[in-house]
Amino acid sequence: MTVIGTNFAGVTTVDFGSNSTATFTVISAKKISVVWPPGTGTVAITAVTLGGTSPTSSSDQFTYG
């Protein structure tokens, strides 16, 4: 799937709730391609850089289905 946002340069990890994805590619500063990790329910997607973790909001929710 493609995650759209901002400031993705330097992303080291993409998390789906408490689960990190092992497979992601930063396409640009505004797009990341990810393969989501196993999980259930609705979780926040966050991007982690050396500067910290992105804040969560209602627009970053992912629902496993």
N, C-alpha and C. Protein backbone atom coordinates (compact mmCIF):
# COMPACT_ATOMS: atom_id res chain seq x y z
N MET A 1 0.84 -1.16 0.00
CA MET A 1 0.00 0.00 0.00
C MET A 1 0.89 1.23 0.00
N THR A 2 0.32 2.36 -0.35
CA THR A 2 1.07 3.61 -0.36
C THR A 2 0.57 4.51 0.77
N VAL A 3 1.50 5.00 1.57
CA VAL A 3 1.18 5.94 2.64
C VAL A 3 1.56 7.32 2.13
N ILE A 4 0.61 8.26 2.22
CA ILE A 4 0.82 9.63 1.78
C ILE A 4 0.95 10.52 3.01
N GLY A 5 1.93 11.42 2.99
CA GLY A 5 2.12 12.33 4.11
C GLY A 5 3.16 13.37 3.75
N THR A 6 3.94 13.79 4.73
CA THR A 6 5.00 14.77 4.50
C THR A 6 6.23 14.40 5.31
N ASN A 7 7.35 14.94 4.90
CA ASN A 7 8.62 14.79 5.63
C ASN A 7 9.06 13.35 5.82
N PHE A 8 8.89 12.51 4.80
CA PHE A 8 9.27 11.11 4.91
C PHE A 8 10.76 10.85 4.64
N ALA A 9 11.50 11.86 4.26
CA ALA A 9 12.94 11.66 4.05
C ALA A 9 13.56 11.23 5.37
N GLY A 10 14.36 10.19 5.34
CA GLY A 10 15.04 9.72 6.55
C GLY A 10 14.23 8.76 7.41
N VAL A 11 13.11 8.26 6.91
CA VAL A 11 12.31 7.30 7.68
C VAL A 11 13.11 6.01 7.86
N THR A 12 13.15 5.52 9.09
CA THR A 12 13.88 4.29 9.41
C THR A 12 12.94 3.11 9.68
N THR A 13 11.70 3.42 10.07
CA THR A 13 10.72 2.39 10.40
C THR A 13 9.33 2.94 10.15
N VAL A 14 8.42 2.06 9.74
CA VAL A 14 7.00 2.41 9.64
C VAL A 14 6.27 1.44 10.57
N ASP A 15 5.52 2.01 11.52
CA ASP A 15 4.82 1.19 12.50
C ASP A 15 3.31 1.20 12.27
N PHE A 16 2.71 0.04 12.44
CA PHE A 16 1.26 -0.12 12.41
C PHE A 16 0.88 -0.48 13.84
N GLY A 17 0.49 0.51 14.62
CA GLY A 17 0.28 0.28 16.05
C GLY A 17 1.62 -0.08 16.67
N SER A 18 1.69 -1.19 17.36
CA SER A 18 2.95 -1.61 18.00
C SER A 18 3.77 -2.54 17.11
N ASN A 19 3.31 -2.79 15.87
CA ASN A 19 4.03 -3.68 14.96
C ASN A 19 4.77 -2.89 13.89
N SER A 20 6.04 -3.18 13.73
CA SER A 20 6.83 -2.53 12.68
C SER A 20 6.78 -3.36 11.40
N THR A 21 6.76 -2.66 10.27
CA THR A 21 6.82 -3.37 9.00
C THR A 21 8.27 -3.58 8.62
N ALA A 22 8.57 -4.74 8.11
CA ALA A 22 9.94 -5.04 7.68
C ALA A 22 10.16 -4.60 6.24
N THR A 23 9.08 -4.36 5.51
CA THR A 23 9.19 -4.04 4.10
C THR A 23 8.57 -2.69 3.80
N PHE A 24 9.41 -1.70 3.52
CA PHE A 24 8.91 -0.39 3.10
C PHE A 24 9.96 0.27 2.22
N THR A 25 9.49 1.16 1.35
CA THR A 25 10.36 1.92 0.47
C THR A 25 9.91 3.37 0.49
N VAL A 26 10.82 4.28 0.80
CA VAL A 26 10.51 5.69 0.71
C VAL A 26 10.57 6.07 -0.76
N ILE A 27 9.43 6.45 -1.32
CA ILE A 27 9.36 6.82 -2.72
C ILE A 27 9.75 8.29 -2.90
N SER A 28 9.27 9.13 -1.98
CA SER A 28 9.58 10.55 -2.01
C SER A 28 9.34 11.10 -0.60
N ALA A 29 9.54 12.39 -0.44
CA ALA A 29 9.30 13.02 0.86
C ALA A 29 7.82 12.97 1.24
N LYS A 30 6.95 12.60 0.28
CA LYS A 30 5.51 12.57 0.54
C LYS A 30 4.86 11.20 0.37
N LYS A 31 5.66 10.16 -0.02
CA LYS A 31 5.08 8.83 -0.26
C LYS A 31 6.01 7.73 0.24
N ILE A 32 5.40 6.73 0.87
CA ILE A 32 6.10 5.52 1.28
C ILE A 32 5.27 4.33 0.80
N SER A 33 5.91 3.36 0.20
CA SER A 33 5.26 2.10 -0.16
C SER A 33 5.56 1.11 0.97
N VAL A 34 4.52 0.47 1.51
CA VAL A 34 4.71 -0.46 2.63
C VAL A 34 3.96 -1.75 2.42
N VAL A 35 4.45 -2.80 3.03
CA VAL A 35 3.73 -4.06 3.18
C VAL A 35 3.39 -4.13 4.65
N TRP A 36 2.09 -4.08 4.97
CA TRP A 36 1.74 -4.01 6.38
C TRP A 36 2.04 -5.32 7.09
N PRO A 37 2.42 -5.21 8.39
CA PRO A 37 2.73 -6.40 9.18
C PRO A 37 1.45 -7.08 9.65
N PRO A 38 1.56 -8.31 10.14
CA PRO A 38 0.37 -8.98 10.68
C PRO A 38 -0.22 -8.18 11.84
N GLY A 39 -1.52 -8.25 11.98
CA GLY A 39 -2.18 -7.57 13.08
C GLY A 39 -3.68 -7.66 12.96
N THR A 40 -4.37 -7.06 13.92
CA THR A 40 -5.84 -7.05 13.93
C THR A 40 -6.32 -5.70 14.43
N GLY A 41 -7.55 -5.38 14.13
CA GLY A 41 -8.18 -4.17 14.64
C GLY A 41 -7.82 -2.94 13.83
N THR A 42 -7.98 -1.78 14.46
CA THR A 42 -7.66 -0.50 13.87
C THR A 42 -6.48 0.09 14.61
N VAL A 43 -5.44 0.48 13.87
CA VAL A 43 -4.20 0.98 14.48
C VAL A 43 -3.76 2.27 13.77
N ALA A 44 -2.92 3.02 14.43
CA ALA A 44 -2.33 4.22 13.82
C ALA A 44 -1.07 3.83 13.06
N ILE A 45 -0.88 4.43 11.90
CA ILE A 45 0.36 4.25 11.14
C ILE A 45 1.26 5.43 11.50
N THR A 46 2.50 5.12 11.94
CA THR A 46 3.44 6.18 12.26
C THR A 46 4.75 5.93 11.54
N ALA A 47 5.43 7.02 11.23
CA ALA A 47 6.75 6.96 10.59
C ALA A 47 7.79 7.37 11.63
N VAL A 48 8.88 6.62 11.69
CA VAL A 48 9.93 6.89 12.67
C VAL A 48 11.19 7.35 11.93
N THR A 49 11.77 8.43 12.40
CA THR A 49 13.05 8.93 11.89
C THR A 49 13.99 9.09 13.06
N LEU A 50 15.23 9.48 12.80
CA LEU A 50 16.17 9.73 13.89
C LEU A 50 15.68 10.87 14.77
N GLY A 51 14.82 11.75 14.23
CA GLY A 51 14.28 12.87 14.98
C GLY A 51 13.08 12.53 15.84
N GLY A 52 12.52 11.33 15.68
CA GLY A 52 11.38 10.94 16.49
C GLY A 52 10.29 10.25 15.68
N THR A 53 9.15 10.10 16.31
CA THR A 53 8.00 9.41 15.72
C THR A 53 6.93 10.42 15.35
N SER A 54 6.32 10.23 14.19
CA SER A 54 5.27 11.15 13.75
C SER A 54 4.10 11.11 14.73
N PRO A 55 3.42 12.25 14.90
CA PRO A 55 2.25 12.26 15.78
C PRO A 55 1.11 11.49 15.15
N THR A 56 0.20 11.00 15.97
CA THR A 56 -0.96 10.28 15.44
C THR A 56 -2.15 11.23 15.31
N SER A 57 -3.03 10.88 14.40
CA SER A 57 -4.27 11.65 14.21
C SER A 57 -5.33 10.73 13.66
N SER A 58 -6.53 11.22 13.53
CA SER A 58 -7.62 10.39 13.01
C SER A 58 -7.41 10.02 11.54
N SER A 59 -6.56 10.75 10.83
CA SER A 59 -6.35 10.46 9.40
C SER A 59 -5.29 9.39 9.15
N ASP A 60 -4.63 8.89 10.20
CA ASP A 60 -3.59 7.88 9.98
C ASP A 60 -4.01 6.49 10.45
N GLN A 61 -5.30 6.24 10.53
CA GLN A 61 -5.80 4.96 11.02
C GLN A 61 -5.83 3.92 9.91
N PHE A 62 -5.45 2.69 10.24
CA PHE A 62 -5.47 1.55 9.31
C PHE A 62 -6.30 0.46 9.98
N THR A 63 -7.23 -0.11 9.24
CA THR A 63 -8.06 -1.18 9.79
C THR A 63 -7.75 -2.48 9.05
N TYR A 64 -7.30 -3.46 9.82
CA TYR A 64 -7.06 -4.79 9.24
C TYR A 64 -8.41 -5.39 8.87
N GLY A 65 -8.46 -6.09 7.77
CA GLY A 65 -9.74 -6.65 7.38
C GLY A 65 -9.62 -7.89 6.71
